[in-house]
Structure formats: structure tokens, C-alpha cells
Amino acid sequence: MTASGVLIFEKVSERAVYPWPVGDFDNAMDEALDIAMDYLERTEQAVKFLEVQRMAATAIVAAWKMGERNRLRLANIAIKAVERKTKQFPDDQKRG
């Protein structure tokens, strides 16, 4: 609640903070991963959640190291990386 008595609601992520392997961590990385994983879960591409999360996070870190800081672009990069990987091995995804 603010001083004027107005309640302000903020979206709080339900996921734990991902253990990023880079020293220059920024909240945009977590937000990008949340966006990507939400999409991948809704489209049923995150059946193997931890494996997919690791792939998405790896793509985000690579883009981050190349200078990308926009959370939506980072999320899109992660989604494309996962989709590319799962299209290469479609039978593995079905076997679970």
C-alpha cells in the first residue's frame, strides 16, 4: 500500500530464481526465462521441464553474453532454441 492508501499489485513469479552461471546476472534473465517457460508449458513443449528449462536458460545466457538485454527478445531466443532442438528429435519428445 502506498502513502496515499492505494494498493499496488505486482506480478510475483511462482518459479524459484534460476541458478544463472554468469556473474553479471540481471532480473531480465529470470523474466525472460519465465516468459519462455510459460509459453513452452502452454504449448506442451515443456514435458521434460528441467531439460527444457536448461536449454532455454543456455540460449538466454548465450544471447546475454552477446549483449542482448531485452527480456522479450531473450525469451524469443530461448523459445526458438527449444523448438529447434525438439524438431531435430521429435521421437524423443514423444517417448517422454
N, C-alpha and C. Protein backbone atom coordinates (compact mmCIF):
# COMPACT_ATOMS: atom_id res chain seq x y z
N MET A 1 0.85 -1.17 0.00
CA MET A 1 0.00 0.00 0.00
C MET A 1 0.90 1.24 0.00
N THR A 2 0.54 2.21 -0.79
CA THR A 2 1.32 3.45 -0.87
C THR A 2 0.86 4.41 0.22
N ALA A 3 1.57 5.53 0.34
CA ALA A 3 1.24 6.54 1.34
C ALA A 3 -0.17 7.11 1.14
N SER A 4 -0.65 7.10 -0.11
CA SER A 4 -1.98 7.64 -0.37
C SER A 4 -3.08 6.62 -0.13
N GLY A 5 -2.70 5.41 0.32
CA GLY A 5 -3.69 4.39 0.62
C GLY A 5 -4.12 3.56 -0.58
N VAL A 6 -3.37 3.64 -1.67
CA VAL A 6 -3.70 2.88 -2.87
C VAL A 6 -2.90 1.59 -2.87
N LEU A 7 -3.59 0.49 -3.11
CA LEU A 7 -2.90 -0.79 -3.20
C LEU A 7 -2.28 -0.95 -4.58
N ILE A 8 -1.06 -1.43 -4.61
CA ILE A 8 -0.38 -1.67 -5.88
C ILE A 8 -0.03 -3.15 -5.91
N PHE A 9 -0.53 -3.82 -6.94
CA PHE A 9 -0.27 -5.25 -7.09
C PHE A 9 0.84 -5.44 -8.10
N GLU A 10 1.78 -6.28 -7.75
CA GLU A 10 2.87 -6.61 -8.66
C GLU A 10 2.80 -8.09 -8.95
N LYS A 11 3.11 -8.45 -10.19
CA LYS A 11 3.15 -9.86 -10.55
C LYS A 11 4.38 -10.47 -9.89
N VAL A 12 4.16 -11.52 -9.14
CA VAL A 12 5.26 -12.21 -8.49
C VAL A 12 5.42 -13.57 -9.15
N SER A 13 6.62 -13.85 -9.59
CA SER A 13 6.89 -15.13 -10.26
C SER A 13 6.69 -16.28 -9.28
N GLU A 14 6.08 -17.35 -9.77
CA GLU A 14 5.87 -18.54 -8.95
C GLU A 14 7.10 -19.44 -8.96
N ARG A 15 7.99 -19.24 -9.89
CA ARG A 15 9.16 -20.08 -10.01
C ARG A 15 10.29 -19.55 -9.14
N ALA A 16 11.14 -20.48 -8.74
CA ALA A 16 12.33 -20.09 -8.00
C ALA A 16 13.31 -19.43 -8.97
N VAL A 17 14.20 -18.64 -8.44
CA VAL A 17 15.21 -17.98 -9.28
C VAL A 17 16.13 -19.05 -9.84
N TYR A 18 16.36 -18.99 -11.15
CA TYR A 18 17.23 -19.95 -11.82
C TYR A 18 18.68 -19.67 -11.43
N PRO A 19 19.49 -20.71 -11.20
CA PRO A 19 20.91 -20.51 -10.82
C PRO A 19 21.78 -20.17 -12.03
N TRP A 20 21.76 -18.93 -12.44
CA TRP A 20 22.48 -18.49 -13.64
C TRP A 20 23.98 -18.63 -13.44
N PRO A 21 24.70 -19.13 -14.46
CA PRO A 21 26.14 -19.33 -14.35
C PRO A 21 26.97 -18.11 -14.73
N VAL A 22 26.38 -16.94 -14.73
CA VAL A 22 27.11 -15.73 -15.11
C VAL A 22 27.13 -14.76 -13.94
N GLY A 23 28.21 -14.01 -13.83
CA GLY A 23 28.35 -13.07 -12.72
C GLY A 23 27.53 -11.81 -12.88
N ASP A 24 27.25 -11.41 -14.12
CA ASP A 24 26.53 -10.16 -14.34
C ASP A 24 25.02 -10.41 -14.49
N PHE A 25 24.46 -11.17 -13.55
CA PHE A 25 23.04 -11.51 -13.56
C PHE A 25 22.18 -10.26 -13.51
N ASP A 26 21.06 -10.34 -14.21
CA ASP A 26 20.08 -9.26 -14.20
C ASP A 26 18.70 -9.90 -14.13
N ASN A 27 17.76 -9.21 -13.51
CA ASN A 27 16.40 -9.73 -13.37
C ASN A 27 15.75 -9.99 -14.73
N ALA A 28 16.19 -9.32 -15.77
CA ALA A 28 15.64 -9.53 -17.11
C ALA A 28 15.84 -10.98 -17.56
N MET A 29 16.91 -11.61 -17.10
CA MET A 29 17.16 -13.00 -17.46
C MET A 29 16.10 -13.92 -16.86
N ASP A 30 15.77 -13.71 -15.58
CA ASP A 30 14.71 -14.51 -14.95
C ASP A 30 13.36 -14.25 -15.59
N GLU A 31 13.08 -12.99 -15.89
CA GLU A 31 11.81 -12.65 -16.53
C GLU A 31 11.71 -13.30 -17.91
N ALA A 32 12.80 -13.28 -18.66
CA ALA A 32 12.82 -13.90 -19.98
C ALA A 32 12.59 -15.41 -19.87
N LEU A 33 13.24 -16.03 -18.90
CA LEU A 33 13.07 -17.47 -18.71
C LEU A 33 11.63 -17.79 -18.30
N ASP A 34 11.05 -16.98 -17.43
CA ASP A 34 9.65 -17.18 -17.03
C ASP A 34 8.71 -17.07 -18.24
N ILE A 35 8.93 -16.07 -19.07
CA ILE A 35 8.10 -15.87 -20.27
C ILE A 35 8.24 -17.08 -21.20
N ALA A 36 9.47 -17.48 -21.45
CA ALA A 36 9.71 -18.61 -22.35
C ALA A 36 9.11 -19.90 -21.81
N MET A 37 9.31 -20.17 -20.53
CA MET A 37 8.80 -21.41 -19.96
C MET A 37 7.27 -21.41 -19.89
N ASP A 38 6.68 -20.26 -19.63
CA ASP A 38 5.22 -20.17 -19.64
C ASP A 38 4.68 -20.54 -21.01
N TYR A 39 5.28 -19.99 -22.06
CA TYR A 39 4.86 -20.31 -23.43
C TYR A 39 5.08 -21.79 -23.73
N LEU A 40 6.25 -22.29 -23.39
CA LEU A 40 6.58 -23.69 -23.69
C LEU A 40 5.68 -24.66 -22.93
N GLU A 41 5.30 -24.31 -21.71
CA GLU A 41 4.36 -25.14 -20.95
C GLU A 41 2.97 -25.10 -21.57
N ARG A 42 2.50 -23.93 -21.93
CA ARG A 42 1.16 -23.79 -22.51
C ARG A 42 1.05 -24.50 -23.86
N THR A 43 2.15 -24.60 -24.59
CA THR A 43 2.13 -25.27 -25.88
C THR A 43 2.60 -26.72 -25.77
N GLU A 44 2.69 -27.20 -24.54
CA GLU A 44 3.06 -28.59 -24.23
C GLU A 44 4.42 -29.00 -24.79
N GLN A 45 5.33 -28.05 -24.82
CA GLN A 45 6.69 -28.32 -25.28
C GLN A 45 7.65 -28.47 -24.11
N ALA A 46 7.14 -28.39 -22.89
CA ALA A 46 8.00 -28.48 -21.71
C ALA A 46 7.66 -29.71 -20.88
N VAL A 47 7.41 -30.83 -21.57
CA VAL A 47 7.08 -32.07 -20.88
C VAL A 47 8.23 -32.47 -19.96
N LYS A 48 9.44 -32.40 -20.48
CA LYS A 48 10.64 -32.64 -19.67
C LYS A 48 11.10 -31.28 -19.16
N PHE A 49 10.45 -30.79 -18.11
CA PHE A 49 10.58 -29.41 -17.67
C PHE A 49 12.04 -28.99 -17.43
N LEU A 50 12.77 -29.74 -16.62
CA LEU A 50 14.13 -29.33 -16.27
C LEU A 50 15.05 -29.32 -17.48
N GLU A 51 14.89 -30.30 -18.37
CA GLU A 51 15.71 -30.34 -19.59
C GLU A 51 15.40 -29.14 -20.49
N VAL A 52 14.13 -28.84 -20.65
CA VAL A 52 13.71 -27.70 -21.48
C VAL A 52 14.15 -26.40 -20.84
N GLN A 53 14.01 -26.31 -19.52
CA GLN A 53 14.43 -25.09 -18.82
C GLN A 53 15.93 -24.87 -18.99
N ARG A 54 16.70 -25.93 -18.93
CA ARG A 54 18.16 -25.81 -19.09
C ARG A 54 18.50 -25.33 -20.51
N MET A 55 17.80 -25.89 -21.52
CA MET A 55 18.03 -25.47 -22.91
C MET A 55 17.71 -23.98 -23.08
N ALA A 56 16.56 -23.57 -22.53
CA ALA A 56 16.12 -22.17 -22.64
C ALA A 56 17.11 -21.25 -21.93
N ALA A 57 17.53 -21.64 -20.74
CA ALA A 57 18.47 -20.82 -19.97
C ALA A 57 19.81 -20.70 -20.68
N THR A 58 20.26 -21.78 -21.29
CA THR A 58 21.53 -21.75 -22.03
C THR A 58 21.45 -20.77 -23.19
N ALA A 59 20.32 -20.77 -23.90
CA ALA A 59 20.14 -19.83 -25.01
C ALA A 59 20.10 -18.39 -24.52
N ILE A 60 19.46 -18.16 -23.38
CA ILE A 60 19.39 -16.81 -22.80
C ILE A 60 20.79 -16.34 -22.40
N VAL A 61 21.57 -17.20 -21.77
CA VAL A 61 22.92 -16.82 -21.36
C VAL A 61 23.78 -16.48 -22.58
N ALA A 62 23.67 -17.29 -23.63
CA ALA A 62 24.45 -17.02 -24.85
C ALA A 62 24.08 -15.66 -25.45
N ALA A 63 22.79 -15.37 -25.52
CA ALA A 63 22.35 -14.08 -26.06
C ALA A 63 22.77 -12.94 -25.14
N TRP A 64 22.70 -13.17 -23.83
CA TRP A 64 23.10 -12.16 -22.84
C TRP A 64 24.58 -11.81 -23.02
N LYS A 65 25.40 -12.82 -23.20
CA LYS A 65 26.84 -12.60 -23.37
C LYS A 65 27.15 -11.85 -24.67
N MET A 66 26.23 -11.95 -25.64
CA MET A 66 26.41 -11.23 -26.90
C MET A 66 25.83 -9.82 -26.83
N GLY A 67 25.28 -9.44 -25.67
CA GLY A 67 24.82 -8.07 -25.48
C GLY A 67 23.32 -7.85 -25.50
N GLU A 68 22.52 -8.89 -25.71
CA GLU A 68 21.07 -8.73 -25.72
C GLU A 68 20.57 -8.51 -24.30
N ARG A 69 19.77 -7.47 -24.08
CA ARG A 69 19.25 -7.16 -22.74
C ARG A 69 17.73 -7.06 -22.69
N ASN A 70 17.06 -7.12 -23.83
CA ASN A 70 15.60 -7.02 -23.86
C ASN A 70 14.99 -8.36 -23.48
N ARG A 71 14.16 -8.36 -22.44
CA ARG A 71 13.62 -9.62 -21.92
C ARG A 71 12.74 -10.36 -22.92
N LEU A 72 12.00 -9.64 -23.76
CA LEU A 72 11.15 -10.30 -24.74
C LEU A 72 11.98 -10.94 -25.86
N ARG A 73 13.02 -10.25 -26.29
CA ARG A 73 13.91 -10.84 -27.29
C ARG A 73 14.64 -12.05 -26.72
N LEU A 74 15.06 -11.94 -25.47
CA LEU A 74 15.72 -13.08 -24.81
C LEU A 74 14.77 -14.27 -24.73
N ALA A 75 13.51 -14.02 -24.38
CA ALA A 75 12.51 -15.09 -24.30
C ALA A 75 12.30 -15.73 -25.67
N ASN A 76 12.19 -14.91 -26.70
CA ASN A 76 12.01 -15.45 -28.06
C ASN A 76 13.20 -16.29 -28.50
N ILE A 77 14.38 -15.85 -28.16
CA ILE A 77 15.59 -16.62 -28.49
C ILE A 77 15.55 -17.98 -27.81
N ALA A 78 15.14 -17.99 -26.55
CA ALA A 78 15.04 -19.25 -25.80
C ALA A 78 13.99 -20.17 -26.40
N ILE A 79 12.83 -19.63 -26.74
CA ILE A 79 11.75 -20.43 -27.33
C ILE A 79 12.21 -21.04 -28.65
N LYS A 80 12.83 -20.23 -29.49
CA LYS A 80 13.31 -20.73 -30.79
C LYS A 80 14.36 -21.82 -30.60
N ALA A 81 15.24 -21.66 -29.63
CA ALA A 81 16.28 -22.67 -29.38
C ALA A 81 15.65 -24.00 -28.97
N VAL A 82 14.65 -23.95 -28.10
CA VAL A 82 13.98 -25.18 -27.65
C VAL A 82 13.22 -25.81 -28.81
N GLU A 83 12.49 -24.99 -29.57
CA GLU A 83 11.72 -25.52 -30.69
C GLU A 83 12.62 -26.14 -31.75
N ARG A 84 13.76 -25.50 -32.01
CA ARG A 84 14.72 -26.04 -32.97
C ARG A 84 15.24 -27.40 -32.51
N LYS A 85 15.56 -27.48 -31.24
CA LYS A 85 16.11 -28.72 -30.67
C LYS A 85 15.07 -29.83 -30.68
N THR A 86 13.83 -29.54 -30.32
CA THR A 86 12.80 -30.58 -30.26
C THR A 86 12.36 -31.01 -31.65
N LYS A 87 12.49 -30.14 -32.65
CA LYS A 87 12.17 -30.54 -34.03
C LYS A 87 13.22 -31.49 -34.58
N GLN A 88 14.45 -31.39 -34.09
CA GLN A 88 15.51 -32.28 -34.53
C GLN A 88 15.28 -33.71 -34.03
N PHE A 89 14.68 -33.82 -32.84
CA PHE A 89 14.47 -35.12 -32.20
C PHE A 89 13.02 -35.29 -31.78
N PRO A 90 12.07 -35.31 -32.72
CA PRO A 90 10.65 -35.36 -32.35
C PRO A 90 10.25 -36.65 -31.66
N ASP A 91 10.87 -37.80 -31.97
CA ASP A 91 10.52 -39.06 -31.34
C ASP A 91 10.91 -39.09 -29.87
N ASP A 92 12.02 -38.45 -29.51
CA ASP A 92 12.46 -38.42 -28.12
C ASP A 92 11.43 -37.71 -27.25
N GLN A 93 10.83 -36.65 -27.77
CA GLN A 93 9.83 -35.87 -27.02
C GLN A 93 8.60 -36.73 -26.76
N LYS A 94 8.20 -37.55 -27.73
CA LYS A 94 7.00 -38.37 -27.59
C LYS A 94 7.18 -39.50 -26.59
N ARG A 95 8.39 -40.06 -26.51
CA ARG A 95 8.66 -41.17 -25.60
C ARG A 95 8.65 -40.76 -24.15
N GLY A 96 9.00 -39.47 -23.89
CA GLY A 96 8.98 -38.93 -22.54
C GLY A 96 10.02 -39.52 -21.72
